[in-house]
Amino acid sequence: PLRDYQSRSVAAVEASWTTRRAVCLVAPTGSGKTRMGSELAVRHGRRVLWVTHRVELVDQSRDALEAVGLDVGVLVGRRAENTEANTVVAGWQTLVARAHVRPAADLIIVDECHHAAADEWRVVLDAYPDAKLLGLTATPYRVDGRGLREAFDEILVAATVGDLIADGYLARPRTWTVPESHRPQLKGLQVLGGDYAVPALEKRV
């Protein structure tokens, strides 16, 4: 069964779809984003394309969708299994590179959808102009500063880490650190791709 916040979030997405095409659902790691996405796939009841950016997530997504009773195919790299199924899990690289094998879809669900603003992803999303779009992410921002507005009409927050801790779904963290006098000074360190450059960071630490 869905948790309370999951039920509310599924209902909020469905309500948003009545006036908008593309919705981004934000929820922390451990909140059950895949569970909420699979519930919406079931309720949608037509042709669903579940897109992931990592091969390692393909089988995990397929298993989650099969667990709610969906017939699921797989399309990634050289794997093309049951691709006539109403629900297909696909790697975005495959969809970009092989336009002739893209499955039909009325609903596209994009896992880790903060990647969806990238030009390569737009090639895929633009190929389905009439399909509803659901994005799932715990991190609705990009290190390059590019906004998700290019891909989504609305962003909905399912729950926060604080909500999940308060409701007992996540453990309350215990943290340790060192005295401030012993902490490395990181001011002025080189930044690459939105994070500290590792060699410089190692030297400073």
Protein backbone atom coordinates (compact mmCIF):
# COMPACT_ATOMS: atom_id res chain seq x y z
CA PRO A 1 0.00 0.00 0.00
CA LEU A 2 1.01 3.59 -0.54
CA ARG A 3 2.10 5.70 2.39
CA ASP A 4 -0.02 8.80 3.09
CA TYR A 5 2.39 11.24 1.44
CA GLN A 6 2.73 8.91 -1.53
CA SER A 7 -1.04 8.84 -2.01
CA ARG A 8 -1.20 12.64 -1.76
CA SER A 9 1.62 13.01 -4.25
CA VAL A 10 0.07 10.62 -6.78
CA ALA A 11 -3.21 12.55 -6.53
CA ALA A 12 -1.36 15.87 -6.92
CA VAL A 13 0.37 14.67 -10.10
CA GLU A 14 -2.92 13.47 -11.56
CA ALA A 15 -4.53 16.82 -10.76
CA SER A 16 -1.64 18.68 -12.35
CA TRP A 17 -1.94 16.60 -15.51
CA THR A 18 -5.44 17.93 -16.08
CA THR A 19 -3.96 21.31 -17.05
CA ARG A 20 -0.26 20.60 -17.59
CA ARG A 21 1.70 18.08 -19.61
CA ALA A 22 4.99 17.71 -17.74
CA VAL A 23 5.33 17.33 -13.96
CA CYS A 24 8.48 16.89 -11.89
CA LEU A 25 7.96 15.02 -8.60
CA VAL A 26 10.66 15.72 -6.02
CA ALA A 27 11.21 13.39 -3.06
CA PRO A 28 14.27 12.36 -1.01
CA THR A 29 16.19 9.14 -1.36
CA GLY A 30 14.26 6.51 0.59
CA SER A 31 10.86 8.09 -0.02
CA GLY A 32 9.78 5.58 -2.66
CA LYS A 33 9.92 7.61 -5.87
CA THR A 34 9.85 4.43 -7.93
CA ARG A 35 6.79 3.24 -6.00
CA MET A 36 4.95 6.49 -6.73
CA GLY A 37 5.99 6.35 -10.37
CA SER A 38 4.85 2.73 -10.72
CA GLU A 39 1.48 3.61 -9.17
CA LEU A 40 0.99 6.35 -11.74
CA ALA A 41 2.00 3.93 -14.49
CA VAL A 42 -0.69 1.50 -13.31
CA ARG A 43 -3.36 4.20 -13.09
CA HIS A 44 -2.42 5.59 -16.49
CA GLY A 45 -3.29 2.23 -18.00
CA ARG A 46 -1.96 2.83 -21.50
CA ARG A 47 1.52 2.76 -23.04
CA VAL A 48 4.26 3.79 -20.63
CA LEU A 49 7.93 4.45 -21.38
CA TRP A 50 10.13 4.44 -18.26
CA VAL A 51 13.46 6.09 -19.05
CA THR A 52 16.61 5.70 -16.97
CA HIS A 53 20.10 7.08 -17.48
CA ARG A 54 22.06 4.14 -16.05
CA VAL A 55 22.09 0.53 -17.19
CA GLU A 56 22.27 -0.59 -13.56
CA LEU A 57 18.80 0.88 -12.93
CA VAL A 58 17.05 -0.87 -15.81
CA ASP A 59 16.42 -4.21 -14.11
CA GLN A 60 15.63 -2.51 -10.80
CA SER A 61 12.96 -0.41 -12.49
CA ARG A 62 11.58 -3.40 -14.41
CA ASP A 63 11.27 -5.40 -11.18
CA ALA A 64 9.43 -2.57 -9.44
CA LEU A 65 6.97 -2.21 -12.31
CA GLU A 66 6.38 -5.95 -12.54
CA ALA A 67 5.76 -6.01 -8.78
CA VAL A 68 2.63 -3.88 -9.29
CA GLY A 69 1.35 -6.21 -11.99
CA LEU A 70 2.56 -4.55 -15.19
CA ASP A 71 3.82 -6.44 -18.23
CA VAL A 72 7.24 -4.88 -18.79
CA GLY A 73 9.70 -4.92 -21.67
CA VAL A 74 13.32 -3.77 -21.73
CA LEU A 75 15.20 -1.74 -24.33
CA VAL A 76 18.79 -0.87 -23.52
CA GLY A 77 21.94 -1.37 -25.57
CA ARG A 78 21.68 -4.72 -27.32
CA ARG A 79 18.83 -5.88 -25.07
CA ALA A 80 15.40 -5.71 -26.66
CA GLU A 81 13.03 -7.86 -24.61
CA ASN A 82 9.24 -7.81 -24.91
CA THR A 83 9.34 -4.30 -26.39
CA GLU A 84 5.70 -4.60 -27.53
CA ALA A 85 4.61 -4.61 -23.88
CA ASN A 86 2.46 -1.71 -22.67
CA THR A 87 5.30 -0.68 -20.35
CA VAL A 88 8.92 -0.52 -21.52
CA VAL A 89 11.99 0.39 -19.45
CA ALA A 90 14.61 1.96 -21.70
CA GLY A 91 18.04 3.52 -21.46
CA TRP A 92 18.04 7.09 -22.68
CA GLN A 93 21.29 6.57 -24.61
CA THR A 94 19.57 3.83 -26.59
CA LEU A 95 16.58 6.07 -27.31
CA VAL A 96 18.88 8.87 -28.47
CA ALA A 97 21.01 6.66 -30.72
CA ARG A 98 18.25 4.47 -32.18
CA ALA A 99 15.25 6.59 -33.10
CA HIS A 100 13.80 3.76 -35.21
CA VAL A 101 13.27 1.52 -32.14
CA ARG A 102 11.61 4.02 -29.82
CA PRO A 103 8.44 2.44 -28.37
CA ALA A 104 5.09 4.21 -28.64
CA ALA A 105 4.12 5.97 -25.41
CA ASP A 106 1.30 8.01 -23.92
CA LEU A 107 3.19 8.53 -20.65
CA ILE A 108 6.94 8.97 -20.23
CA ILE A 109 8.42 8.58 -16.75
CA VAL A 110 11.99 9.85 -16.43
CA ASP A 111 14.01 8.61 -13.47
CA GLU A 112 16.69 11.00 -12.15
CA CYS A 113 14.97 13.65 -14.24
CA HIS A 114 17.37 16.49 -13.38
CA HIS A 115 19.25 15.20 -16.42
CA ALA A 116 16.23 15.90 -18.64
CA ALA A 117 17.18 19.53 -19.35
CA ALA A 118 20.28 18.38 -21.23
CA ASP A 119 20.12 18.73 -25.02
CA GLU A 120 20.58 14.97 -25.52
CA TRP A 121 17.51 14.21 -23.42
CA ARG A 122 15.45 16.79 -25.27
CA VAL A 123 15.96 14.78 -28.46
CA VAL A 124 14.00 11.95 -26.84
CA LEU A 125 11.35 14.01 -25.07
CA ASP A 126 10.65 16.11 -28.15
CA ALA A 127 9.91 12.89 -30.05
CA TYR A 128 6.80 12.40 -27.86
CA PRO A 129 5.03 15.80 -28.02
CA ASP A 130 1.61 14.40 -27.08
CA ALA A 131 2.69 12.19 -24.18
CA LYS A 132 2.28 13.11 -20.55
CA LEU A 133 5.61 13.45 -18.76
CA LEU A 134 6.55 12.61 -15.17
CA GLY A 135 10.00 13.30 -13.81
CA LEU A 136 11.32 11.72 -10.60
CA THR A 137 14.28 13.16 -8.68
CA ALA A 138 15.68 13.83 -5.24
CA THR A 139 17.85 16.67 -6.58
CA PRO A 140 15.86 19.10 -8.77
CA TYR A 141 18.85 21.16 -9.83
CA ARG A 142 21.88 20.86 -12.09
CA VAL A 143 25.51 21.74 -11.47
CA ASP A 144 25.55 23.69 -14.74
CA GLY A 145 22.80 25.96 -13.41
CA ARG A 146 20.40 25.07 -16.20
CA GLY A 147 16.80 25.12 -14.98
CA LEU A 148 14.28 22.30 -15.23
CA ARG A 149 11.63 24.68 -16.56
CA GLU A 150 12.80 23.75 -20.07
CA ALA A 151 11.48 20.23 -19.50
CA PHE A 152 8.75 20.56 -16.85
CA ASP A 153 5.69 22.75 -16.36
CA GLU A 154 5.41 22.21 -12.61
CA ILE A 155 7.50 20.89 -9.74
CA LEU A 156 5.72 19.09 -6.88
CA VAL A 157 7.42 18.15 -3.61
CA ALA A 158 6.23 14.81 -2.22
CA ALA A 159 8.03 15.07 1.11
CA THR A 160 11.17 16.45 2.70
CA VAL A 161 13.84 14.60 4.63
CA GLY A 162 12.48 16.24 7.78
CA ASP A 163 8.99 14.94 7.02
CA LEU A 164 10.24 11.39 6.53
CA ILE A 165 12.30 11.49 9.74
CA ALA A 166 9.36 12.89 11.73
CA ASP A 167 7.06 10.15 10.41
CA GLY A 168 9.58 7.40 11.14
CA TYR A 169 10.36 6.44 7.54
CA LEU A 170 14.00 7.58 7.77
CA ALA A 171 16.35 7.29 10.73
CA ARG A 172 17.26 10.48 12.54
CA PRO A 173 20.92 11.10 11.70
CA ARG A 174 23.66 11.36 14.28
CA THR A 175 26.64 13.37 13.10
CA TRP A 176 30.20 13.88 14.26
CA THR A 177 32.79 16.42 13.19
CA VAL A 178 36.09 17.87 14.35
CA PRO A 179 36.68 21.15 16.20
CA GLU A 180 36.56 24.20 13.93
CA SER A 181 40.22 24.86 14.59
CA HIS A 182 41.08 21.52 12.94
CA ARG A 183 38.91 21.91 9.85
CA PRO A 184 40.63 22.56 6.51
CA GLN A 185 40.15 26.00 4.99
CA LEU A 186 38.54 25.46 1.59
CA LYS A 187 38.31 29.08 0.47
CA GLY A 188 39.82 29.61 -2.96
CA LEU A 189 39.99 25.91 -3.91
CA GLN A 190 39.49 25.09 -7.58
CA VAL A 191 35.97 23.94 -8.49
CA LEU A 192 35.24 21.56 -11.38
CA GLY A 193 31.73 20.54 -12.40
CA GLY A 194 30.21 22.09 -9.29
CA ASP A 195 32.49 20.36 -6.79
CA TYR A 196 36.00 20.80 -5.46
CA ALA A 197 38.80 19.51 -7.68
CA VAL A 198 39.91 16.31 -5.95
CA PRO A 199 43.73 16.77 -6.14
CA ALA A 200 43.51 20.27 -4.69
CA LEU A 201 41.05 19.12 -2.05
CA GLU A 202 43.24 16.19 -1.02
CA LYS A 203 46.24 18.46 -0.66
CA ARG A 204 44.37 21.00 1.44
CA VAL A 205 42.77 18.37 3.68
